[in-house]
C-alpha atoms as a PDB file:
ATOM      1  CA  ASN A   1       6.445  42.211  -6.404  1.00  0.00           C
ATOM      2  CA  ASN A   2       3.477  40.344  -4.998  1.00  0.00           C
ATOM      3  CA  SER A   3       1.721  40.946  -1.667  1.00  0.00           C
ATOM      4  CA  ASP A   4       4.566  39.167   0.209  1.00  0.00           C
ATOM      5  CA  GLY A   5       7.156  41.469  -1.352  1.00  0.00           C
ATOM      6  CA  ILE A   6       8.608  38.557  -3.338  1.00  0.00           C
ATOM      7  CA  GLU A   7       9.678  39.316  -6.879  1.00  0.00           C
ATOM      8  CA  SER A   8       8.381  36.641  -9.224  1.00  0.00           C
ATOM      9  CA  ALA A   9       8.199  35.958 -12.909  1.00  0.00           C
ATOM     10  CA  LEU A  10       4.748  34.455 -12.531  1.00  0.00           C
ATOM     11  CA  THR A  11       2.133  34.701  -9.799  1.00  0.00           C
ATOM     12  CA  VAL A  12      -0.622  32.098  -9.612  1.00  0.00           C
ATOM     13  CA  VAL A  13      -3.940  33.173  -8.108  1.00  0.00           C
ATOM     14  CA  THR A  14      -5.280  30.262  -6.070  1.00  0.00           C
ATOM     15  CA  ASP A  15      -8.792  31.508  -5.328  1.00  0.00           C
ATOM     16  CA  GLY A  16     -11.286  34.137  -6.408  1.00  0.00           C
ATOM     17  CA  LEU A  17     -10.426  36.332  -3.421  1.00  0.00           C
ATOM     18  CA  GLY A  18      -7.015  37.321  -4.742  1.00  0.00           C
ATOM     19  CA  ALA A  19      -4.871  35.022  -2.567  1.00  0.00           C
ATOM     20  CA  GLU A  20      -1.555  34.638  -4.349  1.00  0.00           C
ATOM     21  CA  THR A  21       0.976  31.855  -4.433  1.00  0.00           C
ATOM     22  CA  PRO A  22       4.316  32.966  -5.850  1.00  0.00           C
ATOM     23  CA  LEU A  23       6.047  30.800  -8.410  1.00  0.00           C
ATOM     24  CA  LEU A  24       9.686  31.842  -8.494  1.00  0.00           C
ATOM     25  CA  ILE A  25      12.161  30.880 -11.180  1.00  0.00           C
ATOM     26  CA  SER A  26      15.674  32.264 -10.808  1.00  0.00           C
ATOM     27  CA  ASP A  27      19.213  30.935 -11.055  1.00  0.00           C
ATOM     28  CA  ALA A  28      17.891  27.568 -12.332  1.00  0.00           C
ATOM     29  CA  LYS A  29      15.778  27.102  -9.192  1.00  0.00           C
ATOM     30  CA  LEU A  30      12.035  26.670  -8.953  1.00  0.00           C
ATOM     31  CA  LEU A  31      10.308  27.619  -5.716  1.00  0.00           C
ATOM     32  CA  VAL A  32       6.623  27.009  -5.214  1.00  0.00           C
ATOM     33  CA  LYS A  33       5.338  28.458  -1.972  1.00  0.00           C
ATOM     34  CA  ASP A  34       1.849  28.017  -0.609  1.00  0.00           C
ATOM     35  CA  THR A  35       1.370  31.098   1.554  1.00  0.00           C
ATOM     36  CA  ASN A  36      -1.381  29.357   3.543  1.00  0.00           C
ATOM     37  CA  THR A  37       0.375  26.169   4.695  1.00  0.00           C
ATOM     38  CA  ALA A  38       3.781  26.045   2.931  1.00  0.00           C
ATOM     39  CA  SER A  39       3.477  22.262   2.984  1.00  0.00           C
ATOM     40  CA  LEU A  40       2.173  20.874  -0.289  1.00  0.00           C
ATOM     41  CA  PHE A  41       2.979  21.013  -3.978  1.00  0.00           C
ATOM     42  CA  GLU A  42       0.765  19.127  -6.430  1.00  0.00           C
ATOM     43  CA  VAL A  43       0.542  18.472 -10.141  1.00  0.00           C
ATOM     44  CA  GLN A  44      -2.986  17.604 -11.242  1.00  0.00           C
ATOM     45  CA  THR A  45      -4.749  16.535 -14.407  1.00  0.00           C
ATOM     46  CA  VAL A  46      -7.423  18.767 -15.956  1.00  0.00           C
ATOM     47  CA  ALA A  47      -9.961  16.646 -14.049  1.00  0.00           C
ATOM     48  CA  ALA A  48      -8.109  17.495 -10.772  1.00  0.00           C
ATOM     49  CA  ALA A  49      -6.697  13.990 -10.254  1.00  0.00           C
ATOM     50  CA  VAL A  50      -3.386  14.157  -8.400  1.00  0.00           C
ATOM     51  CA  VAL A  51      -0.439  13.041 -10.540  1.00  0.00           C
ATOM     52  CA  LEU A  52       2.377  14.225  -8.236  1.00  0.00           C
ATOM     53  CA  SER A  53       2.229  15.388  -4.625  1.00  0.00           C
ATOM     54  CA  VAL A  54       5.065  16.694  -2.437  1.00  0.00           C
ATOM     55  CA  ASP A  55       4.309  17.153   1.268  1.00  0.00           C
ATOM     56  CA  THR A  56       7.123  19.139   2.846  1.00  0.00           C
ATOM     57  CA  THR A  57       5.801  18.722   6.398  1.00  0.00           C
ATOM     58  CA  THR A  58       6.316  14.936   6.229  1.00  0.00           C
ATOM     59  CA  SER A  59       9.064  14.874   3.549  1.00  0.00           C
ATOM     60  CA  ARG A  60       6.948  12.551   1.404  1.00  0.00           C
ATOM     61  CA  VAL A  61       6.373  12.347  -2.344  1.00  0.00           C
ATOM     62  CA  GLY A  62       3.293  10.748  -3.840  1.00  0.00           C
ATOM     63  CA  ILE A  63       2.899   9.694  -7.448  1.00  0.00           C
ATOM     64  CA  GLY A  64      -0.767   9.001  -8.146  1.00  0.00           C
ATOM     65  CA  THR A  65      -1.755   9.847  -4.550  1.00  0.00           C
ATOM     66  CA  ALA A  66      -2.360  13.090  -2.669  1.00  0.00           C
ATOM     67  CA  SER A  67      -1.571  11.490   0.704  1.00  0.00           C
ATOM     68  CA  PRO A  68       1.682   9.513   0.513  1.00  0.00           C
ATOM     69  CA  SER A  69       2.209   7.121   3.439  1.00  0.00           C
ATOM     70  CA  ALA A  70       5.953   6.572   2.874  1.00  0.00           C
ATOM     71  CA  PRO A  71       8.869   8.759   1.724  1.00  0.00           C
ATOM     72  CA  LEU A  72       8.026   7.644  -1.842  1.00  0.00           C
ATOM     73  CA  HIS A  73       4.522   6.299  -2.460  1.00  0.00           C
ATOM     74  CA  VAL A  74       3.528   5.218  -5.976  1.00  0.00           C
ATOM     75  CA  LYS A  75      -0.144   4.355  -6.548  1.00  0.00           C
ATOM     76  CA  GLU A  76      -1.727   3.099  -9.764  1.00  0.00           C
ATOM     77  CA  THR A  77      -5.112   1.558 -10.524  1.00  0.00           C
ATOM     78  CA  GLY A  78      -3.948  -0.506 -13.514  1.00  0.00           C
ATOM     79  CA  THR A  79      -2.001  -3.729 -13.862  1.00  0.00           C
ATOM     80  CA  ALA A  80       0.854  -2.380 -15.998  1.00  0.00           C
ATOM     81  CA  ASP A  81       4.440  -1.960 -14.775  1.00  0.00           C
ATOM     82  CA  MET A  82       4.560   0.244 -11.663  1.00  0.00           C
ATOM     83  CA  LEU A  83       8.275   0.887 -11.790  1.00  0.00           C
ATOM     84  CA  LEU A  84      10.590   0.951 -14.754  1.00  0.00           C
ATOM     85  CA  ILE A  85      14.298   1.559 -14.323  1.00  0.00           C
ATOM     86  CA  GLU A  86      15.987   1.754 -17.708  1.00  0.00           C
ATOM     87  CA  SER A  87      19.614   2.005 -18.758  1.00  0.00           C
ATOM     88  CA  THR A  88      20.565   2.667 -22.356  1.00  0.00           C
ATOM     89  CA  ASP A  89      24.278   2.002 -21.741  1.00  0.00           C
ATOM     90  CA  ALA A  90      25.685  -0.217 -24.511  1.00  0.00           C
ATOM     91  CA  GLY A  91      28.556  -1.525 -22.357  1.00  0.00           C
ATOM     92  CA  ALA A  92      28.905  -4.968 -20.831  1.00  0.00           C
ATOM     93  CA  LEU A  93      28.770  -3.829 -17.192  1.00  0.00           C
ATOM     94  CA  SER A  94      25.644  -4.304 -15.105  1.00  0.00           C
ATOM     95  CA  ALA A  95      23.014  -1.647 -15.449  1.00  0.00           C
ATOM     96  CA  PRO A  96      20.523  -0.661 -14.321  1.00  0.00           C
ATOM     97  CA  ASP A  97      21.216  -1.667 -10.740  1.00  0.00           C
ATOM     98  CA  VAL A  98      18.910  -1.517  -7.724  1.00  0.00           C
ATOM     99  CA  THR A  99      20.685  -1.225  -4.389  1.00  0.00           C
ATOM    100  CA  LEU A 100      19.203  -1.708  -0.932  1.00  0.00           C
ATOM    101  CA  TRP A 101      21.820  -0.237   1.414  1.00  0.00           C
ATOM    102  CA  ARG A 102      21.575  -0.489   5.171  1.00  0.00           C
ATOM    103  CA  ASN A 103      24.011   2.213   6.225  1.00  0.00           C
ATOM    104  CA  SER A 104      24.623   1.170   9.843  1.00  0.00           C
ATOM    105  CA  GLY A 105      27.459   2.502  11.958  1.00  0.00           C
ATOM    106  CA  THR A 106      27.545  -0.777  13.901  1.00  0.00           C
ATOM    107  CA  PRO A 107      26.724  -3.716  11.596  1.00  0.00           C
ATOM    108  CA  GLN A 108      26.193  -6.984  13.463  1.00  0.00           C
ATOM    109  CA  SER A 109      25.528 -10.603  12.610  1.00  0.00           C
ATOM    110  CA  SER A 110      21.793 -11.227  12.017  1.00  0.00           C
ATOM    111  CA  ASP A 111      21.138  -7.577  11.030  1.00  0.00           C
ATOM    112  CA  VAL A 112      18.474  -7.588   8.334  1.00  0.00           C
ATOM    113  CA  LEU A 113      19.825  -5.673   5.324  1.00  0.00           C
ATOM    114  CA  GLY A 114      16.564  -5.323   3.454  1.00  0.00           C
ATOM    115  CA  VAL A 115      13.201  -6.952   2.874  1.00  0.00           C
ATOM    116  CA  ILE A 116      10.895  -7.179  -0.119  1.00  0.00           C
ATOM    117  CA  TYR A 117       7.296  -7.737   1.015  1.00  0.00           C
ATOM    118  CA  PHE A 118       4.511  -9.206  -1.140  1.00  0.00           C
ATOM    119  CA  LYS A 119       1.202  -8.010   0.328  1.00  0.00           C
ATOM    120  CA  GLY A 120      -2.460  -8.281  -0.558  1.00  0.00           C
ATOM    121  CA  GLN A 121      -5.879  -8.165   1.018  1.00  0.00           C
ATOM    122  CA  GLU A 122      -7.622 -11.158   2.561  1.00  0.00           C
ATOM    123  CA  ALA A 123     -10.727 -12.241   0.628  1.00  0.00           C
ATOM    124  CA  THR A 124     -13.509 -11.681   3.180  1.00  0.00           C
ATOM    125  CA  SER A 125     -12.150  -9.283   5.811  1.00  0.00           C
ATOM    126  CA  GLY A 126     -10.083  -7.159   3.451  1.00  0.00           C
ATOM    127  CA  HIS A 127      -7.267  -7.083   6.031  1.00  0.00           C
ATOM    128  CA  LEU A 128      -3.800  -6.406   4.660  1.00  0.00           C
ATOM    129  CA  GLN A 129      -1.749  -9.623   4.728  1.00  0.00           C
ATOM    130  CA  THR A 130       1.916 -10.256   3.995  1.00  0.00           C
ATOM    131  CA  TYR A 131       1.768 -13.409   1.878  1.00  0.00           C
ATOM    132  CA  ALA A 132       5.509 -13.715   1.251  1.00  0.00           C
ATOM    133  CA  SER A 133       8.794 -11.871   1.723  1.00  0.00           C
ATOM    134  CA  ILE A 134      12.462 -12.076   0.845  1.00  0.00           C
ATOM    135  CA  HIS A 135      14.964 -11.121   3.554  1.00  0.00           C
ATOM    136  CA  ALA A 136      18.698 -10.505   3.190  1.00  0.00           C
ATOM    137  CA  GLU A 137      20.791 -10.448   6.340  1.00  0.00           C
ATOM    138  CA  ILE A 138      24.337 -10.281   7.616  1.00  0.00           C
ATOM    139  CA  ASP A 139      25.752 -13.644   8.666  1.00  0.00           C
ATOM    140  CA  GLN A 140      29.134 -12.181   9.611  1.00  0.00           C
ATOM    141  CA  ALA A 141      30.150  -8.504   9.495  1.00  0.00           C
ATOM    142  CA  THR A 142      33.886  -8.967  10.127  1.00  0.00           C
ATOM    143  CA  ASP A 143      36.136  -6.966   7.766  1.00  0.00           C
ATOM    144  CA  GLY A 144      37.596  -9.115   5.008  1.00  0.00           C
ATOM    145  CA  VAL A 145      35.318 -12.115   5.703  1.00  0.00           C
ATOM    146  CA  ALA A 146      31.858 -10.533   5.498  1.00  0.00           C
ATOM    147  CA  ARG A 147      29.130 -13.061   4.698  1.00  0.00           C
ATOM    148  CA  GLY A 148      25.425 -12.783   3.941  1.00  0.00           C
ATOM    149  CA  GLU A 149      22.359 -14.977   3.706  1.00  0.00           C
ATOM    150  CA  MET A 150      18.986 -14.775   1.991  1.00  0.00           C
ATOM    151  CA  HIS A 151      15.693 -16.146   3.328  1.00  0.00           C
ATOM    152  CA  PHE A 152      12.382 -16.701   1.550  1.00  0.00           C
ATOM    153  CA  LEU A 153       9.316 -16.566   3.800  1.00  0.00           C
ATOM    154  CA  THR A 154       5.678 -17.401   3.079  1.00  0.00           C
ATOM    155  CA  ALA A 155       2.425 -17.459   5.045  1.00  0.00           C
ATOM    156  CA  GLY A 156       0.783 -20.761   5.699  1.00  0.00           C
ATOM    157  CA  PRO A 157       0.013 -23.562   5.245  1.00  0.00           C
ATOM    158  CA  SER A 158      -2.879 -22.439   7.476  1.00  0.00           C
ATOM    159  CA  GLY A 159      -2.215 -18.690   7.126  1.00  0.00           C
ATOM    160  CA  GLY A 160      -0.879 -16.482   9.865  1.00  0.00           C
ATOM    161  CA  THR A 161       2.703 -15.398  10.419  1.00  0.00           C
ATOM    162  CA  ASN A 162       5.281 -15.824   7.679  1.00  0.00           C
ATOM    163  CA  SER A 163       8.040 -18.292   8.336  1.00  0.00           C
ATOM    164  CA  ILE A 164      11.234 -19.247   6.522  1.00  0.00           C
ATOM    165  CA  LYS A 165      10.555 -21.840   3.821  1.00  0.00           C
ATOM    166  CA  MET A 166      13.898 -21.626   2.002  1.00  0.00           C
ATOM    167  CA  SER A 167      17.310 -20.123   2.789  1.00  0.00           C
ATOM    168  CA  ILE A 168      20.461 -19.566   0.759  1.00  0.00           C
ATOM    169  CA  LEU A 169      23.356 -19.735   3.186  1.00  0.00           C
ATOM    170  CA  ASN A 170      26.703 -17.969   2.894  1.00  0.00           C
ATOM    171  CA  ASN A 171      28.436 -21.165   1.722  1.00  0.00           C
ATOM    172  CA  GLY A 172      25.976 -21.563  -1.177  1.00  0.00           C
ATOM    173  CA  ASN A 173      23.926 -24.317   0.442  1.00  0.00           C
ATOM    174  CA  VAL A 174      20.183 -24.086  -0.020  1.00  0.00           C
ATOM    175  CA  GLY A 175      17.977 -25.138   2.851  1.00  0.00           C
ATOM    176  CA  ILE A 176      14.327 -25.980   2.326  1.00  0.00           C
END
């Protein structure tokens, strides 16, 4: 038993003053508890760079960042693939699949189902700018005749707010 009365297989001392953080492994569960804040779990390199961060106060996970700004925040300094989703299934069905699901109790026409944003910094000011985006939306939500549309938006020609430059309508027509 440690100072909190918690039985543990391993106790990690977090400072030179004897403060303990229990690491509990039982019944195929792993519990890491920070007795000071109970809010953060990190995996670091030998050089103390954060590889994985879990903030339980905000329900956020960071990969490559100690301060995630979204439920899942992946940060990398290189130019290699940032996300790889791999299926080794040998069958003919689709896989791997990526699904954006808007789980609304009251779907309506014109509801945006999901957006992919392409952002970067402006050259001089460094301000974050959305240069382009892809929007999918409900055209009609009626059972049995549901229809959707997809819109491609870009900034310009003189910068500013993104506007629709191309749409794929529910009947297959493409508008430019």
